[in-house]
Protein backbone atom coordinates (compact mmCIF):
# COMPACT_ATOMS: atom_id res chain seq x y z
CA MET A 1 0.04 -0.09 0.05
CA LYS A 2 0.99 3.29 -0.77
CA SER A 3 2.08 5.99 1.90
CA PRO A 4 -0.49 9.21 1.72
CA THR A 5 2.49 11.32 1.25
CA SER A 6 4.00 9.16 -1.60
CA LYS A 7 3.50 10.80 -4.94
CA SER A 8 3.05 9.27 -8.28
CA PRO A 9 5.78 9.34 -10.90
CA ALA A 10 5.98 12.29 -13.18
CA PRO A 11 5.13 11.43 -16.81
CA ALA A 12 8.46 11.35 -18.59
CA ARG A 13 9.01 14.38 -20.70
CA THR A 14 9.89 13.18 -24.39
CA GLY A 15 10.44 16.53 -26.05
CA ALA A 16 7.25 16.14 -28.49
CA ARG A 17 4.98 18.87 -29.65
CA THR A 18 1.29 18.33 -27.89
CA GLU A 19 -0.99 18.18 -30.93
CA ARG A 20 -3.53 20.56 -31.20
CA PRO A 21 -6.78 19.79 -32.76
CA ILE A 22 -7.76 22.39 -36.08
CA ASN A 23 -10.31 24.27 -36.04
CA GLN A 24 -11.78 23.59 -39.57
CA ARG A 25 -14.32 26.75 -39.34
CA VAL A 26 -11.15 28.55 -40.13
CA LEU A 27 -11.60 26.36 -43.59
CA GLN A 28 -14.78 27.93 -44.39
CA GLU A 29 -14.63 31.60 -43.14
CA GLU A 30 -14.13 34.67 -45.26
CA SER A 31 -10.32 34.69 -44.22
CA MET A 32 -9.99 32.19 -47.01
CA ARG A 33 -10.82 34.46 -49.41
CA TYR A 34 -8.21 36.78 -48.18
CA PHE A 35 -5.77 33.93 -48.53
CA LEU A 36 -6.64 33.08 -52.19
CA GLU A 37 -6.09 36.67 -53.33
CA VAL A 38 -3.42 36.76 -52.02
CA ALA A 39 -1.97 33.37 -53.91
CA ARG A 40 -3.56 34.94 -57.08
CA VAL A 41 -1.22 38.24 -57.06
CA GLY A 42 1.57 37.13 -54.57
CA SER A 43 1.62 40.37 -52.69
CA VAL A 44 -0.30 41.53 -49.65
CA THR A 45 -0.35 45.14 -50.62
CA GLU A 46 -2.05 44.23 -53.82
CA ALA A 47 -4.34 42.01 -52.44
CA ALA A 48 -5.95 44.33 -49.83
CA VAL A 49 -6.47 47.20 -53.19
CA ARG A 50 -8.31 44.53 -55.10
CA LEU A 51 -10.41 43.39 -51.89
CA ASN A 52 -10.58 47.00 -51.20
CA VAL A 53 -9.58 46.46 -47.29
CA ALA A 54 -6.80 47.67 -45.28
CA PRO A 55 -3.17 44.96 -45.84
CA SER A 56 -3.54 44.74 -42.34
CA ALA A 57 -6.61 43.00 -42.08
CA VAL A 58 -5.25 40.76 -44.88
CA SER A 59 -1.98 40.23 -43.06
CA ARG A 60 -4.48 39.65 -39.99
CA GLN A 61 -6.15 36.95 -41.60
CA ILE A 62 -3.23 35.16 -43.50
CA GLY A 63 -1.58 34.69 -39.96
CA ARG A 64 -4.98 33.63 -38.57
CA ILE A 65 -5.37 30.71 -40.77
CA GLU A 66 -1.44 29.89 -40.27
CA ARG A 67 -1.82 29.68 -36.55
CA GLU A 68 -4.94 27.85 -36.75
CA LEU A 69 -3.21 24.87 -39.12
CA ASP A 70 -0.02 25.72 -37.17
CA THR A 71 1.96 25.68 -40.53
CA LEU A 72 3.18 28.58 -42.60
CA LEU A 73 1.21 28.51 -45.86
CA PHE A 74 3.74 31.14 -48.02
CA GLU A 75 7.34 32.29 -48.51
CA ARG A 76 7.98 35.50 -47.44
CA ARG A 77 10.26 37.01 -49.98
CA ALA A 78 11.84 40.86 -50.78
CA ARG A 79 9.08 41.21 -53.48
CA GLY A 80 5.82 39.56 -52.10
CA MET A 81 5.00 36.07 -51.27
CA ALA A 82 4.89 32.59 -52.94
CA LEU A 83 2.68 29.60 -51.95
CA ASN A 84 5.21 27.10 -50.34
CA SER A 85 3.83 23.03 -50.44
CA ALA A 86 1.28 23.82 -47.96
CA GLY A 87 -0.30 26.67 -49.23
CA GLU A 88 -0.32 24.67 -52.57
CA LEU A 89 -2.68 22.26 -51.22
CA LEU A 90 -4.93 24.71 -49.28
CA ALA A 91 -5.53 26.70 -52.70
CA ALA A 92 -6.42 23.86 -54.17
CA HIS A 93 -8.94 22.92 -51.64
CA ALA A 94 -10.22 26.65 -51.27
CA ARG A 95 -10.75 26.87 -54.84
CA ARG A 96 -12.78 23.80 -55.12
CA ALA A 97 -14.99 25.01 -52.72
CA TRP A 98 -15.71 28.27 -54.26
CA LEU A 99 -16.36 26.51 -57.27
CA ASP A 100 -18.78 23.81 -55.78
CA ILE A 101 -20.47 26.63 -54.13
CA GLU A 102 -20.86 28.52 -57.87
CA ARG A 103 -22.01 24.68 -59.20
CA VAL A 104 -24.61 24.19 -56.59
CA THR A 105 -25.91 27.55 -57.16
CA ASP A 106 -26.60 26.82 -60.48
CA ASP A 107 -28.14 23.18 -60.08
CA ILE A 108 -30.58 24.98 -57.51
CA LEU A 109 -31.44 27.26 -60.24
CA ALA A 110 -31.83 24.16 -62.61
CA LEU A 111 -34.24 22.65 -60.03
CA ARG A 112 -36.27 25.97 -60.29
CA GLY A 113 -36.46 25.51 -63.96
CA LEU A 114 -34.50 28.67 -64.79
CA ARG A 115 -32.47 28.18 -67.33
CA LYS A 116 -29.60 30.48 -66.16
CA GLY A 117 -25.83 30.09 -65.37
CA GLU A 118 -22.47 31.46 -66.72
CA VAL A 119 -19.73 29.91 -68.66
CA ARG A 120 -16.02 31.41 -68.16
CA VAL A 121 -13.68 30.65 -70.80
CA ALA A 122 -10.26 31.27 -71.50
CA ALA A 123 -8.56 30.43 -75.19
CA THR A 124 -6.23 31.23 -77.59
CA GLU A 125 -5.96 34.61 -80.21
CA GLY A 126 -6.83 31.77 -82.41
CA PHE A 127 -9.92 30.28 -80.72
CA ALA A 128 -11.29 33.54 -79.31
CA TYR A 129 -11.64 35.83 -82.36
CA GLU A 130 -13.52 33.68 -84.62
CA PHE A 131 -14.19 30.11 -83.85
CA LEU A 132 -15.79 30.50 -80.23
CA PRO A 133 -18.09 33.50 -80.90
CA ALA A 134 -19.94 31.61 -83.49
CA LEU A 135 -20.08 28.48 -81.21
CA VAL A 136 -21.26 30.49 -78.36
CA ALA A 137 -23.79 31.94 -80.78
CA ALA A 138 -25.33 28.99 -81.84
CA PHE A 139 -25.37 27.18 -78.16
CA GLN A 140 -27.62 30.44 -77.17
CA ALA A 141 -29.72 30.08 -79.56
CA ARG A 142 -31.12 27.05 -77.82
CA CYS A 143 -30.23 28.40 -74.16
CA PRO A 144 -30.72 31.87 -74.34
CA GLY A 145 -30.55 32.15 -70.35
CA ILE A 146 -26.49 31.22 -70.50
CA ARG A 147 -24.17 34.22 -70.25
CA PHE A 148 -20.51 33.57 -71.42
CA SER A 149 -17.52 35.48 -70.80
CA LEU A 150 -14.57 35.07 -73.26
CA ASP A 151 -10.86 36.05 -72.46
CA MET A 152 -8.18 36.03 -75.03
CA CYS A 153 -4.72 34.86 -73.83
CA VAL A 154 -1.44 33.24 -74.67
CA GLN A 155 -1.77 29.35 -74.26
CA ARG A 156 0.33 29.10 -70.38
CA GLU A 157 -1.83 31.86 -69.01
CA VAL A 158 -4.70 29.71 -70.37
CA ALA A 159 -3.91 26.89 -68.36
CA ARG A 160 -3.06 29.08 -65.17
CA ARG A 161 -6.42 30.23 -65.52
CA VAL A 162 -8.18 27.27 -65.67
CA ARG A 163 -5.71 25.61 -63.23
CA GLU A 164 -6.78 28.18 -60.81
CA GLY A 165 -10.59 28.42 -61.06
CA LEU A 166 -10.52 31.91 -62.58
CA VAL A 167 -12.39 29.80 -65.85
CA ASP A 168 -14.39 26.99 -66.22
CA LEU A 169 -13.06 26.33 -69.54
CA GLY A 170 -9.72 26.44 -71.15
CA VAL A 171 -9.65 26.31 -75.23
CA THR A 172 -6.01 25.74 -76.65
CA VAL A 173 -3.80 23.37 -78.62
CA SER A 174 -1.53 21.27 -77.05
CA LEU A 175 1.73 19.38 -77.59
CA GLY A 176 1.44 17.18 -74.38
CA SER A 177 -0.38 17.10 -70.82
CA GLU A 178 -0.42 19.28 -68.27
CA HIS A 179 -0.38 18.87 -64.59
CA GLY A 180 -3.77 20.01 -62.77
CA LEU A 181 -5.82 19.39 -65.67
CA ASN A 182 -8.43 17.61 -67.29
CA VAL A 183 -8.84 17.07 -71.17
CA GLU A 184 -12.70 17.55 -71.61
CA ILE A 185 -11.84 17.33 -75.70
CA ARG A 186 -9.15 16.20 -77.32
CA HIS A 187 -9.03 16.72 -81.24
CA PRO A 188 -5.96 16.91 -83.89
CA SER A 189 -5.10 20.07 -84.89
CA PRO A 190 -2.48 19.87 -87.44
CA VAL A 191 -0.16 22.97 -88.40
CA CYS A 192 -1.38 23.85 -91.80
CA ALA A 193 0.66 26.23 -94.23
CA VAL A 194 -1.67 29.01 -95.07
CA MET A 195 -1.33 31.45 -98.15
CA ALA A 196 -3.58 33.35 -100.65
CA PRO A 197 -5.48 31.53 -103.39
CA SER A 198 -3.07 32.81 -105.67
CA HIS A 199 0.35 31.45 -104.34
CA PRO A 200 2.45 29.05 -106.29
CA LEU A 201 2.26 26.47 -103.62
CA ALA A 202 -1.75 26.89 -103.34
CA GLU A 203 -2.30 24.15 -105.80
CA ARG A 204 -0.89 21.40 -104.09
CA ARG A 205 -2.55 19.05 -101.54
CA GLN A 206 0.40 18.74 -99.02
CA VAL A 207 3.06 20.72 -98.80
CA SER A 208 6.70 20.74 -96.94
CA LEU A 209 8.43 23.12 -94.83
CA ALA A 210 11.73 22.18 -97.51
CA GLN A 211 9.18 24.07 -100.01
CA VAL A 212 7.85 27.28 -98.18
CA VAL A 213 10.97 28.64 -96.66
CA HIS A 214 11.92 29.62 -100.48
CA TYR A 215 9.10 32.19 -100.37
CA PRO A 216 8.49 35.18 -97.75
CA LEU A 217 7.18 33.93 -94.27
CA ALA A 218 4.87 35.46 -91.85
CA LEU A 219 6.10 34.12 -88.66
CA PRO A 220 4.52 34.41 -85.21
CA ALA A 221 6.47 35.73 -82.25
CA PRO A 222 9.72 33.43 -80.58
CA THR A 223 7.93 32.51 -77.41
CA SER A 224 4.95 31.31 -78.86
CA THR A 225 4.65 27.27 -79.09
CA LEU A 226 4.25 27.42 -82.69
CA ARG A 227 7.32 29.21 -83.63
CA GLN A 228 9.57 26.72 -81.20
CA LEU A 229 7.77 24.10 -83.39
CA LEU A 230 8.91 25.79 -86.88
CA ASN A 231 12.06 26.14 -85.10
CA ILE A 232 12.86 22.72 -83.86
CA SER A 233 11.21 20.93 -87.17
CA CYS A 234 13.34 23.56 -89.15
CA ALA A 235 16.52 23.19 -87.27
CA ARG A 236 15.96 19.58 -87.60
CA GLN A 237 16.20 19.51 -91.08
CA ARG A 238 18.84 22.25 -91.65
CA LEU A 239 16.59 24.78 -93.20
CA PRO A 240 16.36 28.22 -93.02
CA LEU A 241 13.49 30.37 -91.01
CA GLU A 242 13.55 33.84 -91.65
CA ALA A 243 10.60 36.16 -91.08
CA ALA A 244 9.67 38.55 -93.48
CA LEU A 245 7.20 39.64 -90.66
CA THR A 246 6.80 38.69 -87.46
CA SER A 247 3.87 39.25 -84.96
CA ASP A 248 2.51 38.01 -81.39
CA HIS A 249 -0.68 37.90 -83.03
CA LEU A 250 -2.51 35.85 -85.57
CA TYR A 251 -4.71 37.49 -87.63
CA PRO A 252 -2.01 40.32 -88.94
CA LEU A 253 -0.22 37.47 -89.94
CA VAL A 254 -2.91 36.04 -91.40
CA HIS A 255 -3.81 39.01 -93.83
CA TYR A 256 -0.37 39.73 -94.80
CA ALA A 257 -0.34 36.16 -96.08
CA ALA A 258 -3.83 36.74 -97.84
CA HIS A 259 -2.45 39.80 -100.16
CA GLY A 260 0.63 38.61 -101.03
CA GLN A 261 3.16 35.50 -101.83
CA ALA A 262 3.71 35.38 -98.13
CA VAL A 263 3.27 32.13 -95.81
CA THR A 264 2.07 31.77 -92.45
CA PHE A 265 1.06 28.89 -90.36
CA CYS A 266 -2.01 27.90 -88.35
CA GLY A 267 -4.45 25.16 -87.53
CA GLU A 268 -7.50 24.74 -89.58
CA LEU A 269 -10.05 24.97 -86.84
CA ALA A 270 -9.20 28.73 -86.34
CA LEU A 271 -9.20 29.98 -89.70
CA ARG A 272 -12.75 28.19 -90.67
CA GLN A 273 -14.52 31.04 -91.69
CA GLN A 274 -11.93 32.85 -93.49
CA LEU A 275 -11.34 29.32 -95.46
CA GLU A 276 -15.26 29.23 -96.37
CA ASN A 277 -14.98 32.96 -97.58
CA GLY A 278 -11.70 31.94 -100.22
CA THR A 279 -9.49 34.83 -99.03
CA ILE A 280 -6.72 31.94 -97.87
CA VAL A 281 -6.15 28.37 -98.47
CA ALA A 282 -4.51 25.98 -95.96
CA ARG A 283 -2.26 23.30 -97.02
CA ALA A 284 -1.48 20.40 -95.01
CA LEU A 285 2.09 19.99 -94.09
CA ARG A 286 4.16 16.69 -94.47
CA ASP A 287 6.81 17.62 -91.12
CA ARG A 288 6.28 15.14 -88.34
CA GLU A 289 6.29 17.92 -86.01
CA MET A 290 3.62 19.87 -87.54
CA ASN A 291 1.30 17.02 -87.16
CA GLU A 292 1.58 16.61 -83.56
CA ARG A 293 -0.47 19.00 -81.78
CA HIS A 294 -3.71 18.77 -80.70
CA PHE A 295 -6.79 21.16 -80.36
CA GLU A 296 -8.02 20.94 -76.22
CA VAL A 297 -10.68 21.55 -74.39
CA GLN A 298 -9.38 21.73 -70.78
CA SER A 299 -10.92 21.85 -67.17
CA MET A 300 -10.17 22.10 -63.43
CA ALA A 301 -8.60 18.24 -62.34
CA GLY A 302 -11.12 16.90 -59.60
CA ARG A 303 -13.95 19.53 -60.54
CA ARG A 304 -17.22 18.54 -61.60
CA LEU A 305 -18.58 21.51 -63.82
CA PRO A 306 -21.22 23.26 -63.63
CA ASP A 307 -24.68 22.09 -65.73
CA ALA A 308 -23.91 25.22 -68.23
CA ALA A 309 -20.48 24.21 -68.88
CA ARG A 310 -20.92 20.84 -69.37
CA ALA A 311 -23.67 21.32 -71.84
CA PHE A 312 -21.29 23.37 -73.85
CA VAL A 313 -18.91 21.28 -73.79
CA GLU A 314 -21.09 18.84 -75.73
CA HIS A 315 -21.68 21.44 -77.89
CA LEU A 316 -18.27 21.63 -78.82
CA ARG A 317 -18.10 17.82 -79.10
CA GLU A 318 -21.22 17.58 -81.55
CA VAL A 319 -19.08 20.96 -83.99
CA LEU A 320 -16.02 18.49 -83.97
CA SER A 321 -17.42 15.37 -84.72
CA ALA A 322 -19.50 17.23 -87.94
């Protein structure tokens, strides 16, 4: 029997930190909107301007989330803030949560019989300028209550906006798969040689880069994926690639080719209307690299699209099948 004055031995001190439960409510509150804005712009000050609040309010909310999760979410740098691994995980969760709220709202409206909704699309210039507006108009003739927003971006920006949930769909061309994206539609989109109907090569069904490089060339900017593809193919064949005209926009190149003896390069889908009007012709290229591109409709990986966006994807699929 123990004496009344005897004491139980003290628990051993292991040095391990006591784990405390996470307050999960912090993941559902307004502070997540502040967190997402800082993640998007990379700056507390810039996020505060966009949110119309004081920078101190944004800092407090970010600090609160980090305290509740007991981990840092950003790397603090001299010129801003960048998400670390934990921050990337939380940002992915938060984006999907906001998008799920929007989707549920659309589903409730559909239950009430209201044919309403919005589809946000980002697309590269070739599709944003002509191809998509015609498809949107045809879709709205069937579903007049659906609104659209269409942003024109370079290819890497399209992927970023889809990945971060800023748009529902990305319409672009791709050479391979990208992390964080789901491919809703994938369709061959080979590069064609585009020229005036009076061009000496226009009578041929197929041409090669070895043939077209002897004519004036209208080329995209060096930063474009199409220009890089042309550089690779010409370098492999030891062909010269010199531009008579360079532009970071597609349609100046196409119009330049239509009014002279120059050749430019593009996929056929982006030029359907002009091809039908007969202002230009597009000839298939025999070169291997020119046939490895695909037209893609992309969405955020792991996200269930709202009904309106899903219906528009199906509309696109029907058009491509036809």
